[in-house]
Amino acid sequence: MGLISGLLLFPITGPVRGLQFVMEQIRDQAEAELLDEGRIRAELLNLNLLRETGEITDEEHAELEDALIEHLNMIRAYKEGLLEPVATDEAEFDEPQAEGAEV
């Protein structure tokens, strides 16, 4: 897009780009909160405190602890999946051979 068309279309594209930026920020913040291992660990500590003070039973504690540990494992698995290197075909990186060259 050229300078003139960019200026002429700014009243339309400006707000759209601004809204897109805001939505990306909201998505990033929600993802960060959803994938926060520290929050899950804090909930596990709080759960242990509730059991020690007698506010919840051992059965309730075990059930809630299992759910939190499962959530923590899912977070870790998701993060590992994001960090795994992408497998590439080594043939893509071979140098191209000139036509008619013998192999």
N, C-alpha and C. Protein backbone atom coordinates (compact mmCIF):
# COMPACT_ATOMS: atom_id res chain seq x y z
N MET A 1 0.86 -1.15 0.00
CA MET A 1 0.00 0.00 0.00
C MET A 1 0.91 1.22 0.00
N GLY A 2 0.61 2.14 -0.88
CA GLY A 2 1.42 3.34 -1.01
C GLY A 2 1.10 4.34 0.09
N LEU A 3 1.89 5.38 0.13
CA LEU A 3 1.74 6.43 1.15
C LEU A 3 0.40 7.13 1.02
N ILE A 4 0.03 7.50 -0.17
CA ILE A 4 -1.22 8.25 -0.37
C ILE A 4 -2.42 7.38 -0.05
N SER A 5 -2.44 6.15 -0.56
CA SER A 5 -3.58 5.28 -0.27
C SER A 5 -3.62 4.94 1.22
N GLY A 6 -2.45 4.81 1.85
CA GLY A 6 -2.42 4.57 3.30
C GLY A 6 -3.03 5.71 4.08
N LEU A 7 -2.72 6.95 3.66
CA LEU A 7 -3.28 8.12 4.34
C LEU A 7 -4.78 8.24 4.10
N LEU A 8 -5.21 7.96 2.86
CA LEU A 8 -6.63 8.07 2.55
C LEU A 8 -7.45 7.00 3.24
N LEU A 9 -6.90 5.82 3.42
CA LEU A 9 -7.63 4.72 4.05
C LEU A 9 -7.42 4.66 5.57
N PHE A 10 -6.62 5.56 6.13
CA PHE A 10 -6.34 5.52 7.57
C PHE A 10 -7.59 5.58 8.44
N PRO A 11 -8.59 6.40 8.09
CA PRO A 11 -9.80 6.41 8.94
C PRO A 11 -10.48 5.05 9.04
N ILE A 12 -10.25 4.20 8.07
CA ILE A 12 -10.85 2.86 8.10
C ILE A 12 -9.88 1.85 8.69
N THR A 13 -8.63 1.87 8.21
CA THR A 13 -7.66 0.86 8.65
C THR A 13 -7.10 1.13 10.04
N GLY A 14 -7.04 2.40 10.45
CA GLY A 14 -6.49 2.74 11.76
C GLY A 14 -7.23 2.07 12.90
N PRO A 15 -8.56 2.27 12.99
CA PRO A 15 -9.30 1.62 14.07
C PRO A 15 -9.25 0.09 14.00
N VAL A 16 -9.24 -0.46 12.79
CA VAL A 16 -9.18 -1.92 12.65
C VAL A 16 -7.85 -2.43 13.19
N ARG A 17 -6.77 -1.77 12.83
CA ARG A 17 -5.46 -2.18 13.33
C ARG A 17 -5.36 -2.00 14.85
N GLY A 18 -5.96 -0.93 15.36
CA GLY A 18 -5.96 -0.71 16.80
C GLY A 18 -6.72 -1.80 17.53
N LEU A 19 -7.88 -2.17 16.99
CA LEU A 19 -8.67 -3.24 17.59
C LEU A 19 -7.93 -4.57 17.52
N GLN A 20 -7.27 -4.81 16.40
CA GLN A 20 -6.49 -6.04 16.25
C GLN A 20 -5.37 -6.09 17.29
N PHE A 21 -4.70 -4.97 17.53
CA PHE A 21 -3.63 -4.91 18.53
C PHE A 21 -4.18 -5.21 19.92
N VAL A 22 -5.32 -4.60 20.25
CA VAL A 22 -5.93 -4.81 21.57
C VAL A 22 -6.32 -6.28 21.75
N MET A 23 -6.90 -6.88 20.72
CA MET A 23 -7.31 -8.28 20.81
C MET A 23 -6.09 -9.20 20.98
N GLU A 24 -5.00 -8.90 20.30
CA GLU A 24 -3.78 -9.70 20.46
C GLU A 24 -3.23 -9.58 21.88
N GLN A 25 -3.30 -8.39 22.46
CA GLN A 25 -2.83 -8.20 23.83
C GLN A 25 -3.69 -8.98 24.81
N ILE A 26 -5.00 -8.97 24.61
CA ILE A 26 -5.90 -9.72 25.48
C ILE A 26 -5.63 -11.21 25.36
N ARG A 27 -5.44 -11.70 24.13
CA ARG A 27 -5.15 -13.12 23.91
C ARG A 27 -3.84 -13.51 24.61
N ASP A 28 -2.82 -12.68 24.47
CA ASP A 28 -1.53 -12.98 25.08
C ASP A 28 -1.63 -13.02 26.60
N GLN A 29 -2.37 -12.08 27.17
CA GLN A 29 -2.54 -12.04 28.63
C GLN A 29 -3.32 -13.26 29.13
N ALA A 30 -4.38 -13.63 28.42
CA ALA A 30 -5.17 -14.80 28.82
C ALA A 30 -4.33 -16.06 28.73
N GLU A 31 -3.54 -16.18 27.68
CA GLU A 31 -2.68 -17.36 27.51
C GLU A 31 -1.63 -17.41 28.62
N ALA A 32 -1.07 -16.27 28.98
CA ALA A 32 -0.06 -16.24 30.05
C ALA A 32 -0.67 -16.67 31.38
N GLU A 33 -1.89 -16.23 31.66
CA GLU A 33 -2.53 -16.64 32.91
C GLU A 33 -2.91 -18.10 32.89
N LEU A 34 -3.35 -18.60 31.75
CA LEU A 34 -3.74 -19.99 31.64
C LEU A 34 -2.54 -20.92 31.78
N LEU A 35 -1.39 -20.49 31.31
CA LEU A 35 -0.19 -21.33 31.33
C LEU A 35 0.75 -21.00 32.50
N ASP A 36 0.25 -20.36 33.53
CA ASP A 36 1.07 -19.97 34.67
C ASP A 36 1.21 -21.13 35.66
N GLU A 37 2.38 -21.74 35.66
CA GLU A 37 2.64 -22.87 36.56
C GLU A 37 2.69 -22.40 38.01
N GLY A 38 3.14 -21.19 38.25
CA GLY A 38 3.24 -20.66 39.61
C GLY A 38 1.88 -20.57 40.30
N ARG A 39 0.86 -20.22 39.52
CA ARG A 39 -0.50 -20.12 40.08
C ARG A 39 -0.98 -21.51 40.51
N ILE A 40 -0.68 -22.53 39.71
CA ILE A 40 -1.11 -23.88 40.06
C ILE A 40 -0.38 -24.36 41.31
N ARG A 41 0.93 -24.06 41.40
CA ARG A 41 1.69 -24.45 42.59
C ARG A 41 1.15 -23.75 43.83
N ALA A 42 0.78 -22.48 43.70
CA ALA A 42 0.21 -21.75 44.83
C ALA A 42 -1.12 -22.36 45.26
N GLU A 43 -1.91 -22.78 44.29
CA GLU A 43 -3.19 -23.43 44.62
C GLU A 43 -2.95 -24.76 45.33
N LEU A 44 -1.90 -25.49 44.92
CA LEU A 44 -1.58 -26.75 45.60
C LEU A 44 -1.16 -26.50 47.05
N LEU A 45 -0.36 -25.46 47.26
CA LEU A 45 0.03 -25.11 48.64
C LEU A 45 -1.18 -24.70 49.47
N ASN A 46 -2.07 -23.92 48.88
CA ASN A 46 -3.27 -23.49 49.58
C ASN A 46 -4.16 -24.70 49.91
N LEU A 47 -4.22 -25.64 48.98
CA LEU A 47 -5.00 -26.84 49.19
C LEU A 47 -4.46 -27.65 50.37
N ASN A 48 -3.14 -27.75 50.46
CA ASN A 48 -2.53 -28.45 51.60
C ASN A 48 -2.83 -27.74 52.91
N LEU A 49 -2.80 -26.43 52.88
CA LEU A 49 -3.11 -25.64 54.07
C LEU A 49 -4.56 -25.88 54.51
N LEU A 50 -5.47 -25.91 53.54
CA LEU A 50 -6.88 -26.16 53.87
C LEU A 50 -7.07 -27.54 54.49
N ARG A 51 -6.34 -28.53 54.01
CA ARG A 51 -6.46 -29.87 54.58
C ARG A 51 -5.88 -29.91 55.99
N GLU A 52 -4.73 -29.25 56.19
CA GLU A 52 -4.11 -29.25 57.52
C GLU A 52 -4.96 -28.53 58.55
N THR A 53 -5.68 -27.52 58.14
CA THR A 53 -6.55 -26.79 59.08
C THR A 53 -7.89 -27.46 59.26
N GLY A 54 -8.17 -28.51 58.48
CA GLY A 54 -9.41 -29.26 58.63
C GLY A 54 -10.58 -28.67 57.87
N GLU A 55 -10.33 -27.71 56.98
CA GLU A 55 -11.43 -27.10 56.23
C GLU A 55 -11.94 -28.00 55.11
N ILE A 56 -11.10 -28.92 54.65
CA ILE A 56 -11.54 -29.90 53.66
C ILE A 56 -11.09 -31.28 54.11
N THR A 57 -11.79 -32.30 53.64
CA THR A 57 -11.46 -33.67 54.03
C THR A 57 -10.31 -34.19 53.16
N ASP A 58 -9.78 -35.32 53.56
CA ASP A 58 -8.70 -35.95 52.79
C ASP A 58 -9.19 -36.35 51.39
N GLU A 59 -10.45 -36.79 51.31
CA GLU A 59 -10.99 -37.19 50.00
C GLU A 59 -11.11 -35.97 49.08
N GLU A 60 -11.62 -34.87 49.62
CA GLU A 60 -11.72 -33.64 48.82
C GLU A 60 -10.34 -33.16 48.39
N HIS A 61 -9.39 -33.25 49.32
CA HIS A 61 -8.02 -32.84 49.01
C HIS A 61 -7.45 -33.68 47.88
N ALA A 62 -7.63 -34.99 47.95
CA ALA A 62 -7.09 -35.87 46.93
C ALA A 62 -7.71 -35.58 45.57
N GLU A 63 -9.01 -35.35 45.55
CA GLU A 63 -9.70 -35.07 44.29
C GLU A 63 -9.23 -33.75 43.68
N LEU A 64 -9.16 -32.71 44.49
CA LEU A 64 -8.72 -31.40 43.99
C LEU A 64 -7.25 -31.41 43.61
N GLU A 65 -6.44 -32.13 44.39
CA GLU A 65 -5.01 -32.21 44.09
C GLU A 65 -4.78 -32.92 42.76
N ASP A 66 -5.53 -33.99 42.51
CA ASP A 66 -5.40 -34.70 41.23
C ASP A 66 -5.74 -33.79 40.06
N ALA A 67 -6.79 -33.00 40.21
CA ALA A 67 -7.20 -32.08 39.14
C ALA A 67 -6.12 -31.03 38.89
N LEU A 68 -5.54 -30.49 39.96
CA LEU A 68 -4.50 -29.47 39.80
C LEU A 68 -3.23 -30.06 39.19
N ILE A 69 -2.86 -31.25 39.61
CA ILE A 69 -1.66 -31.89 39.05
C ILE A 69 -1.88 -32.21 37.57
N GLU A 70 -3.07 -32.65 37.23
CA GLU A 70 -3.38 -32.91 35.82
C GLU A 70 -3.27 -31.62 35.00
N HIS A 71 -3.79 -30.53 35.55
CA HIS A 71 -3.69 -29.23 34.87
C HIS A 71 -2.22 -28.82 34.71
N LEU A 72 -1.44 -29.01 35.74
CA LEU A 72 -0.01 -28.68 35.68
C LEU A 72 0.71 -29.52 34.63
N ASN A 73 0.37 -30.79 34.56
CA ASN A 73 0.98 -31.66 33.55
C ASN A 73 0.58 -31.24 32.14
N MET A 74 -0.68 -30.82 31.97
CA MET A 74 -1.13 -30.35 30.65
C MET A 74 -0.38 -29.08 30.25
N ILE A 75 -0.15 -28.18 31.19
CA ILE A 75 0.59 -26.96 30.91
C ILE A 75 2.00 -27.30 30.45
N ARG A 76 2.65 -28.20 31.19
CA ARG A 76 4.01 -28.58 30.84
C ARG A 76 4.08 -29.28 29.48
N ALA A 77 3.12 -30.14 29.21
CA ALA A 77 3.09 -30.83 27.91
C ALA A 77 2.87 -29.83 26.79
N TYR A 78 2.00 -28.86 27.01
CA TYR A 78 1.75 -27.84 25.99
C TYR A 78 3.01 -27.02 25.73
N LYS A 79 3.70 -26.63 26.80
CA LYS A 79 4.92 -25.85 26.64
C LYS A 79 6.01 -26.66 25.94
N GLU A 80 6.13 -27.94 26.27
CA GLU A 80 7.12 -28.78 25.61
C GLU A 80 6.79 -28.91 24.12
N GLY A 81 5.51 -29.00 23.80
CA GLY A 81 5.10 -29.09 22.41
C GLY A 81 5.44 -27.83 21.64
N LEU A 82 5.38 -26.68 22.31
CA LEU A 82 5.72 -25.42 21.66
C LEU A 82 7.22 -25.28 21.47
N LEU A 83 7.99 -25.90 22.36
CA LEU A 83 9.43 -25.72 22.32
C LEU A 83 10.15 -26.76 21.48
N GLU A 84 9.44 -27.81 21.04
CA GLU A 84 10.09 -28.84 20.24
C GLU A 84 10.51 -28.27 18.89
N PRO A 85 11.71 -28.60 18.43
CA PRO A 85 12.12 -28.11 17.13
C PRO A 85 11.28 -28.74 16.03
N VAL A 86 11.08 -28.00 14.98
CA VAL A 86 10.30 -28.50 13.86
C VAL A 86 11.18 -29.46 13.07
N ALA A 87 10.69 -30.65 12.83
CA ALA A 87 11.44 -31.64 12.06
C ALA A 87 11.43 -31.21 10.59
N THR A 88 12.61 -31.16 10.01
CA THR A 88 12.70 -30.77 8.61
C THR A 88 13.33 -31.89 7.82
N ASP A 89 13.00 -31.95 6.58
CA ASP A 89 13.56 -32.94 5.69
C ASP A 89 14.94 -32.45 5.27
N GLU A 90 15.97 -33.25 5.52
CA GLU A 90 17.33 -32.84 5.20
C GLU A 90 17.53 -32.67 3.70
N ALA A 91 16.72 -33.32 2.89
CA ALA A 91 16.87 -33.22 1.45
C ALA A 91 16.61 -31.80 0.96
N GLU A 92 15.83 -31.04 1.72
CA GLU A 92 15.54 -29.66 1.33
C GLU A 92 16.79 -28.80 1.37
N PHE A 93 17.76 -29.18 2.18
CA PHE A 93 18.94 -28.34 2.36
C PHE A 93 20.13 -28.79 1.52
N ASP A 94 19.96 -29.86 0.75
CA ASP A 94 21.05 -30.30 -0.13
C ASP A 94 21.25 -29.25 -1.22
N GLU A 95 22.48 -29.10 -1.63
CA GLU A 95 22.76 -28.14 -2.70
C GLU A 95 22.17 -28.66 -4.00
N PRO A 96 21.55 -27.77 -4.76
CA PRO A 96 20.99 -28.22 -6.03
C PRO A 96 22.11 -28.58 -6.99
N GLN A 97 21.88 -29.62 -7.76
CA GLN A 97 22.89 -30.06 -8.73
C GLN A 97 22.58 -29.43 -10.08
N ALA A 98 23.64 -29.15 -10.81
CA ALA A 98 23.49 -28.58 -12.14
C ALA A 98 22.90 -29.62 -13.07
N GLU A 99 22.12 -29.15 -14.04
CA GLU A 99 21.53 -30.08 -14.98
C GLU A 99 22.61 -30.78 -15.77
N GLY A 100 22.44 -32.05 -16.01
CA GLY A 100 23.39 -32.82 -16.78
C GLY A 100 24.61 -33.27 -16.02
N ALA A 101 24.72 -32.90 -14.73
CA ALA A 101 25.87 -33.32 -13.93
C ALA A 101 25.67 -34.74 -13.49
N GLU A 102 26.74 -35.49 -13.49
CA GLU A 102 26.66 -36.87 -13.05
C GLU A 102 26.70 -36.94 -11.55
N VAL A 103 25.94 -37.88 -11.01
CA VAL A 103 25.86 -38.05 -9.57
C VAL A 103 26.83 -39.11 -9.13
